[in-house]
């Protein structure tokens, strides 16, 4: 359905790969950012497919090499959690240009897969953002409707209040794929979180993350 003729599957470092592994043979992701699979990236694949990292009581294992790969990859990176087929796609949208790259990608995937899209806009609680949040939400709703009309698609649209990562996590339980975009090499700190990266790493379904300059 997608027209893909070849793809690379990446697995965390240390994952046993049997000699008779089915095609495509997994490519191990190195334990450090310096050991990323350069030959694989040099092929300029249309999409990179990774096995989701293991979640433990201490957090996500193998997250640091994933962050490095996200920053280097010029292709969308699919973090697979076994939620295929993708019948329903969730894409966060906001007031920045970043999220609209994610919506464009979600539309491309939805048209190939015959999936339905839900656009989710998360606003700050009114006691924090005041009327500005409502104004931004109105502008986002208008733009989503314009994009949907341009592509001739029916999009579901939800506007909720709260923390964007947690809100997407909650909503993702009813979808098979989350599509999100982020700026390459964006800092990820407590006060300046990389929201797109955190969403991709923390949702329960598969996630497709696009990094751009």
C-alpha atoms as a PDB file:
ATOM      1  CA  UNK A   1       0.000   0.000   0.000  1.00  0.00           C
ATOM      2  CA  UNK A   2       2.831   2.408   0.803  1.00  0.00           C
ATOM      3  CA  UNK A   3       4.992   1.653  -2.246  1.00  0.00           C
ATOM      4  CA  UNK A   4       8.000   0.812  -0.069  1.00  0.00           C
ATOM      5  CA  UNK A   5      10.463  -1.527  -1.803  1.00  0.00           C
ATOM      6  CA  UNK A   6      13.178  -1.685   0.876  1.00  0.00           C
ATOM      7  CA  UNK A   7      13.583  -0.653   4.486  1.00  0.00           C
ATOM      8  CA  UNK A   8      16.037  -1.006   7.361  1.00  0.00           C
ATOM      9  CA  UNK A   9      14.966  -2.225  10.791  1.00  0.00           C
ATOM     10  CA  UNK A  10      17.024  -0.934  13.721  1.00  0.00           C
ATOM     11  CA  UNK A  11      17.076  -2.629  17.118  1.00  0.00           C
ATOM     12  CA  UNK A  12      18.694  -1.593  20.430  1.00  0.00           C
ATOM     13  CA  UNK A  13      22.317  -2.561  20.998  1.00  0.00           C
ATOM     14  CA  UNK A  14      22.648  -6.043  22.471  1.00  0.00           C
ATOM     15  CA  UNK A  15      19.415  -7.383  20.961  1.00  0.00           C
ATOM     16  CA  UNK A  16      20.016 -11.005  19.870  1.00  0.00           C
ATOM     17  CA  UNK A  17      19.813 -11.324  16.084  1.00  0.00           C
ATOM     18  CA  UNK A  18      19.499 -14.965  14.967  1.00  0.00           C
ATOM     19  CA  UNK A  19      21.458 -15.962  11.853  1.00  0.00           C
ATOM     20  CA  UNK A  20      18.223 -16.936  10.110  1.00  0.00           C
ATOM     21  CA  UNK A  21      16.444 -13.674  10.941  1.00  0.00           C
ATOM     22  CA  UNK A  22      13.689 -12.866   8.432  1.00  0.00           C
ATOM     23  CA  UNK A  23      14.198 -10.047   5.981  1.00  0.00           C
ATOM     24  CA  UNK A  24      14.881  -7.281   6.702  1.00  0.00           C
ATOM     25  CA  UNK A  25      17.720  -8.294   8.999  1.00  0.00           C
ATOM     26  CA  UNK A  26      17.793  -5.929  12.029  1.00  0.00           C
ATOM     27  CA  UNK A  27      20.641  -3.418  12.189  1.00  0.00           C
ATOM     28  CA  UNK A  28      21.899  -2.954  15.790  1.00  0.00           C
ATOM     29  CA  UNK A  29      21.899   0.605  17.091  1.00  0.00           C
ATOM     30  CA  UNK A  30      25.248   1.265  18.814  1.00  0.00           C
ATOM     31  CA  UNK A  31      25.442   1.802  22.586  1.00  0.00           C
ATOM     32  CA  UNK A  32      26.778   5.345  22.123  1.00  0.00           C
ATOM     33  CA  UNK A  33      25.925   8.170  19.702  1.00  0.00           C
ATOM     34  CA  UNK A  34      29.330   7.677  18.034  1.00  0.00           C
ATOM     35  CA  UNK A  35      28.361   4.137  16.995  1.00  0.00           C
ATOM     36  CA  UNK A  36      25.308   4.910  14.929  1.00  0.00           C
ATOM     37  CA  UNK A  37      24.887   2.919  11.701  1.00  0.00           C
ATOM     38  CA  UNK A  38      26.398   5.411   9.230  1.00  0.00           C
ATOM     39  CA  UNK A  39      26.236   3.018   6.243  1.00  0.00           C
ATOM     40  CA  UNK A  40      22.517   2.679   6.826  1.00  0.00           C
ATOM     41  CA  UNK A  41      21.959   6.437   7.009  1.00  0.00           C
ATOM     42  CA  UNK A  42      24.037   6.899   3.856  1.00  0.00           C
ATOM     43  CA  UNK A  43      21.422   4.972   1.863  1.00  0.00           C
ATOM     44  CA  UNK A  44      18.963   7.841   2.553  1.00  0.00           C
ATOM     45  CA  UNK A  45      16.059   5.556   3.441  1.00  0.00           C
ATOM     46  CA  UNK A  46      12.515   6.850   3.228  1.00  0.00           C
ATOM     47  CA  UNK A  47      11.799   5.729   6.780  1.00  0.00           C
ATOM     48  CA  UNK A  48      13.797   4.215   9.651  1.00  0.00           C
ATOM     49  CA  UNK A  49      12.012   1.532  11.697  1.00  0.00           C
ATOM     50  CA  UNK A  50      13.163   1.015  15.274  1.00  0.00           C
ATOM     51  CA  UNK A  51      12.116  -1.340  18.012  1.00  0.00           C
ATOM     52  CA  UNK A  52      10.743   0.640  20.943  1.00  0.00           C
ATOM     53  CA  UNK A  53      13.082   0.918  23.972  1.00  0.00           C
ATOM     54  CA  UNK A  54      12.334  -1.041  27.111  1.00  0.00           C
ATOM     55  CA  UNK A  55      10.601   0.865  29.899  1.00  0.00           C
ATOM     56  CA  UNK A  56      11.809   0.123  33.438  1.00  0.00           C
ATOM     57  CA  UNK A  57      11.244   1.665  36.862  1.00  0.00           C
ATOM     58  CA  UNK A  58      14.303   3.822  36.140  1.00  0.00           C
ATOM     59  CA  UNK A  59      12.886   5.116  32.860  1.00  0.00           C
ATOM     60  CA  UNK A  60      13.518   4.251  29.227  1.00  0.00           C
ATOM     61  CA  UNK A  61      16.543   2.152  28.318  1.00  0.00           C
ATOM     62  CA  UNK A  62      18.495   2.987  25.147  1.00  0.00           C
ATOM     63  CA  UNK A  63      16.955   6.476  25.010  1.00  0.00           C
ATOM     64  CA  UNK A  64      20.229   8.372  24.519  1.00  0.00           C
ATOM     65  CA  UNK A  65      21.253   6.595  21.288  1.00  0.00           C
ATOM     66  CA  UNK A  66      17.701   7.131  20.054  1.00  0.00           C
ATOM     67  CA  UNK A  67      17.973  10.860  20.655  1.00  0.00           C
ATOM     68  CA  UNK A  68      21.215  10.933  18.693  1.00  0.00           C
ATOM     69  CA  UNK A  69      19.651   9.018  15.811  1.00  0.00           C
ATOM     70  CA  UNK A  70      16.641  11.335  15.744  1.00  0.00           C
ATOM     71  CA  UNK A  71      18.990  14.308  15.412  1.00  0.00           C
ATOM     72  CA  UNK A  72      21.020  12.746  12.598  1.00  0.00           C
ATOM     73  CA  UNK A  73      18.346  11.036  10.545  1.00  0.00           C
ATOM     74  CA  UNK A  74      17.033  12.944   7.542  1.00  0.00           C
ATOM     75  CA  UNK A  75      14.114  10.537   7.231  1.00  0.00           C
ATOM     76  CA  UNK A  76      11.118  10.020   9.514  1.00  0.00           C
ATOM     77  CA  UNK A  77      11.838   7.515  12.286  1.00  0.00           C
ATOM     78  CA  UNK A  78       9.154   4.967  13.141  1.00  0.00           C
ATOM     79  CA  UNK A  79       9.337   3.702  16.712  1.00  0.00           C
ATOM     80  CA  UNK A  80       7.368   0.471  16.475  1.00  0.00           C
ATOM     81  CA  UNK A  81       5.242  -0.795  19.356  1.00  0.00           C
ATOM     82  CA  UNK A  82       3.241  -3.401  17.448  1.00  0.00           C
ATOM     83  CA  UNK A  83       0.097  -1.290  16.930  1.00  0.00           C
ATOM     84  CA  UNK A  84      -0.101  -1.822  13.145  1.00  0.00           C
ATOM     85  CA  UNK A  85      -2.331  -1.687  11.094  1.00  0.00           C
ATOM     86  CA  UNK A  86      -2.650   2.066  11.426  1.00  0.00           C
ATOM     87  CA  UNK A  87      -6.375   2.697  11.150  1.00  0.00           C
ATOM     88  CA  UNK A  88      -6.353   5.850  13.257  1.00  0.00           C
ATOM     89  CA  UNK A  89      -3.522   8.408  13.372  1.00  0.00           C
ATOM     90  CA  UNK A  90      -3.072  11.072  16.042  1.00  0.00           C
ATOM     91  CA  UNK A  91      -1.069  14.216  15.280  1.00  0.00           C
ATOM     92  CA  UNK A  92      -0.447  17.062  17.758  1.00  0.00           C
ATOM     93  CA  UNK A  93      -0.909  20.520  16.232  1.00  0.00           C
ATOM     94  CA  UNK A  94      -0.051  23.891  17.722  1.00  0.00           C
ATOM     95  CA  UNK A  95       0.717  27.500  17.034  1.00  0.00           C
ATOM     96  CA  UNK A  96       4.232  26.877  15.689  1.00  0.00           C
ATOM     97  CA  UNK A  97       5.422  25.879  12.228  1.00  0.00           C
ATOM     98  CA  UNK A  98       6.886  22.681  13.694  1.00  0.00           C
ATOM     99  CA  UNK A  99       3.592  20.927  14.262  1.00  0.00           C
ATOM    100  CA  UNK A 100       2.356  21.643  10.735  1.00  0.00           C
ATOM    101  CA  UNK A 101       5.240  19.580   9.332  1.00  0.00           C
ATOM    102  CA  UNK A 102       3.837  16.745  11.436  1.00  0.00           C
ATOM    103  CA  UNK A 103       0.344  17.261  10.042  1.00  0.00           C
ATOM    104  CA  UNK A 104       1.654  17.166   6.460  1.00  0.00           C
ATOM    105  CA  UNK A 105       3.438  13.883   7.199  1.00  0.00           C
ATOM    106  CA  UNK A 106       0.360  12.439   8.915  1.00  0.00           C
ATOM    107  CA  UNK A 107      -1.734  13.272   5.852  1.00  0.00           C
ATOM    108  CA  UNK A 108       0.766  11.510   3.567  1.00  0.00           C
ATOM    109  CA  UNK A 109       0.701   8.394   5.760  1.00  0.00           C
ATOM    110  CA  UNK A 110      -3.073   8.436   6.129  1.00  0.00           C
ATOM    111  CA  UNK A 111      -3.598   8.635   2.375  1.00  0.00           C
ATOM    112  CA  UNK A 112      -1.280   5.654   1.796  1.00  0.00           C
ATOM    113  CA  UNK A 113      -2.777   3.564   4.597  1.00  0.00           C
ATOM    114  CA  UNK A 114      -6.416   4.586   4.292  1.00  0.00           C
ATOM    115  CA  UNK A 115      -6.336   5.782   7.905  1.00  0.00           C
ATOM    116  CA  UNK A 116      -8.302   8.490   9.676  1.00  0.00           C
ATOM    117  CA  UNK A 117      -6.543  11.448  11.322  1.00  0.00           C
ATOM    118  CA  UNK A 118      -7.275  13.106  14.636  1.00  0.00           C
ATOM    119  CA  UNK A 119      -5.549  16.462  15.125  1.00  0.00           C
ATOM    120  CA  UNK A 120      -5.022  17.280  18.795  1.00  0.00           C
ATOM    121  CA  UNK A 121      -4.344  20.798  20.070  1.00  0.00           C
ATOM    122  CA  UNK A 122      -3.322  21.169  23.705  1.00  0.00           C
ATOM    123  CA  UNK A 123      -3.731  24.576  25.346  1.00  0.00           C
ATOM    124  CA  UNK A 124      -2.526  25.870  28.667  1.00  0.00           C
ATOM    125  CA  UNK A 125      -5.120  25.919  31.440  1.00  0.00           C
ATOM    126  CA  UNK A 126      -7.037  29.187  31.363  1.00  0.00           C
ATOM    127  CA  UNK A 127      -5.761  30.255  34.775  1.00  0.00           C
ATOM    128  CA  UNK A 128      -2.223  30.205  33.304  1.00  0.00           C
ATOM    129  CA  UNK A 129      -2.661  31.285  29.699  1.00  0.00           C
ATOM    130  CA  UNK A 130      -5.747  33.451  30.069  1.00  0.00           C
ATOM    131  CA  UNK A 131      -7.540  34.402  26.849  1.00  0.00           C
ATOM    132  CA  UNK A 132      -4.378  33.922  24.775  1.00  0.00           C
ATOM    133  CA  UNK A 133      -4.808  30.154  24.830  1.00  0.00           C
ATOM    134  CA  UNK A 134      -8.344  30.420  23.479  1.00  0.00           C
ATOM    135  CA  UNK A 135      -7.204  32.775  20.712  1.00  0.00           C
ATOM    136  CA  UNK A 136      -4.427  30.408  19.678  1.00  0.00           C
ATOM    137  CA  UNK A 137      -6.812  27.448  19.742  1.00  0.00           C
ATOM    138  CA  UNK A 138      -9.208  29.289  17.457  1.00  0.00           C
ATOM    139  CA  UNK A 139      -6.394  30.021  14.992  1.00  0.00           C
ATOM    140  CA  UNK A 140      -5.263  26.369  15.075  1.00  0.00           C
ATOM    141  CA  UNK A 141      -8.796  25.110  14.461  1.00  0.00           C
ATOM    142  CA  UNK A 142      -9.145  27.438  11.477  1.00  0.00           C
ATOM    143  CA  UNK A 143      -5.839  26.320   9.988  1.00  0.00           C
ATOM    144  CA  UNK A 144      -6.607  22.606  10.459  1.00  0.00           C
ATOM    145  CA  UNK A 145      -9.928  23.090   8.691  1.00  0.00           C
ATOM    146  CA  UNK A 146      -8.161  24.924   5.860  1.00  0.00           C
ATOM    147  CA  UNK A 147      -5.580  22.154   5.454  1.00  0.00           C
ATOM    148  CA  UNK A 148      -8.293  19.478   5.520  1.00  0.00           C
ATOM    149  CA  UNK A 149     -10.251  21.284   2.820  1.00  0.00           C
ATOM    150  CA  UNK A 150      -7.097  21.709   0.731  1.00  0.00           C
ATOM    151  CA  UNK A 151      -6.434  17.955   0.746  1.00  0.00           C
ATOM    152  CA  UNK A 152     -10.103  16.994   0.569  1.00  0.00           C
ATOM    153  CA  UNK A 153      -9.891  15.077   3.851  1.00  0.00           C
ATOM    154  CA  UNK A 154     -12.140  14.713   6.853  1.00  0.00           C
ATOM    155  CA  UNK A 155     -10.117  15.305  10.011  1.00  0.00           C
ATOM    156  CA  UNK A 156     -11.263  14.897  13.570  1.00  0.00           C
ATOM    157  CA  UNK A 157     -10.108  17.787  15.752  1.00  0.00           C
ATOM    158  CA  UNK A 158      -9.838  17.887  19.534  1.00  0.00           C
ATOM    159  CA  UNK A 159      -8.842  20.800  21.752  1.00  0.00           C
ATOM    160  CA  UNK A 160      -7.920  19.996  25.356  1.00  0.00           C
ATOM    161  CA  UNK A 161      -6.176  21.744  28.234  1.00  0.00           C
ATOM    162  CA  UNK A 162      -3.113  20.497  30.081  1.00  0.00           C
ATOM    163  CA  UNK A 163       0.442  19.265  29.673  1.00  0.00           C
ATOM    164  CA  UNK A 164       1.023  18.499  25.971  1.00  0.00           C
ATOM    165  CA  UNK A 165       3.018  15.291  26.502  1.00  0.00           C
ATOM    166  CA  UNK A 166       0.557  13.845  29.008  1.00  0.00           C
ATOM    167  CA  UNK A 167      -2.437  14.916  26.948  1.00  0.00           C
ATOM    168  CA  UNK A 168      -1.079  13.170  23.849  1.00  0.00           C
ATOM    169  CA  UNK A 169      -0.261  10.084  25.941  1.00  0.00           C
ATOM    170  CA  UNK A 170      -3.868   9.862  27.113  1.00  0.00           C
ATOM    171  CA  UNK A 171      -5.338  10.386  23.669  1.00  0.00           C
ATOM    172  CA  UNK A 172      -2.869   7.990  21.982  1.00  0.00           C
ATOM    173  CA  UNK A 173      -4.480   5.015  23.751  1.00  0.00           C
ATOM    174  CA  UNK A 174      -7.305   5.211  21.206  1.00  0.00           C
ATOM    175  CA  UNK A 175      -5.000   5.332  18.156  1.00  0.00           C
ATOM    176  CA  UNK A 176      -2.447   3.093  16.463  1.00  0.00           C
ATOM    177  CA  UNK A 177       0.071   5.738  15.386  1.00  0.00           C
ATOM    178  CA  UNK A 178       1.187   9.146  16.630  1.00  0.00           C
ATOM    179  CA  UNK A 179       2.903  11.427  14.088  1.00  0.00           C
ATOM    180  CA  UNK A 180       4.930  14.318  15.464  1.00  0.00           C
ATOM    181  CA  UNK A 181       7.568  16.753  14.202  1.00  0.00           C
ATOM    182  CA  UNK A 182      10.410  18.457  16.058  1.00  0.00           C
ATOM    183  CA  UNK A 183      13.370  20.712  15.328  1.00  0.00           C
ATOM    184  CA  UNK A 184      16.682  18.925  14.934  1.00  0.00           C
ATOM    185  CA  UNK A 185      19.128  19.202  17.870  1.00  0.00           C
ATOM    186  CA  UNK A 186      16.538  20.858  20.061  1.00  0.00           C
ATOM    187  CA  UNK A 187      17.515  21.000  23.733  1.00  0.00           C
ATOM    188  CA  UNK A 188      15.638  18.715  26.099  1.00  0.00           C
ATOM    189  CA  UNK A 189      15.728  20.064  29.640  1.00  0.00           C
ATOM    190  CA  UNK A 190      13.286  20.406  32.502  1.00  0.00           C
ATOM    191  CA  UNK A 191      12.576  24.051  31.692  1.00  0.00           C
ATOM    192  CA  UNK A 192      12.858  23.676  27.900  1.00  0.00           C
ATOM    193  CA  UNK A 193      11.598  20.197  27.023  1.00  0.00           C
ATOM    194  CA  UNK A 194      11.783  18.677  23.560  1.00  0.00           C
ATOM    195  CA  UNK A 195       8.045  17.996  23.438  1.00  0.00           C
ATOM    196  CA  UNK A 196       8.068  16.107  20.136  1.00  0.00           C
ATOM    197  CA  UNK A 197      10.843  13.787  21.275  1.00  0.00           C
ATOM    198  CA  UNK A 198       9.181  13.096  24.614  1.00  0.00           C
ATOM    199  CA  UNK A 199       5.888  12.315  22.925  1.00  0.00           C
ATOM    200  CA  UNK A 200       7.537   9.847  20.528  1.00  0.00           C
ATOM    201  CA  UNK A 201       9.358   8.090  23.364  1.00  0.00           C
ATOM    202  CA  UNK A 202       6.477   7.930  25.839  1.00  0.00           C
ATOM    203  CA  UNK A 203       3.245   7.146  23.950  1.00  0.00           C
ATOM    204  CA  UNK A 204       1.903   3.592  24.145  1.00  0.00           C
ATOM    205  CA  UNK A 205       1.332   3.115  20.407  1.00  0.00           C
ATOM    206  CA  UNK A 206       3.783   3.359  17.520  1.00  0.00           C
ATOM    207  CA  UNK A 207       5.189   6.825  16.823  1.00  0.00           C
ATOM    208  CA  UNK A 208       6.562   8.417  13.665  1.00  0.00           C
ATOM    209  CA  UNK A 209       8.920  11.307  14.393  1.00  0.00           C
ATOM    210  CA  UNK A 210      10.213  13.780  11.804  1.00  0.00           C
ATOM    211  CA  UNK A 211      13.196  15.997  12.655  1.00  0.00           C
ATOM    212  CA  UNK A 212      13.851  19.004  10.440  1.00  0.00           C
ATOM    213  CA  UNK A 213      16.234  21.953  10.309  1.00  0.00           C
END
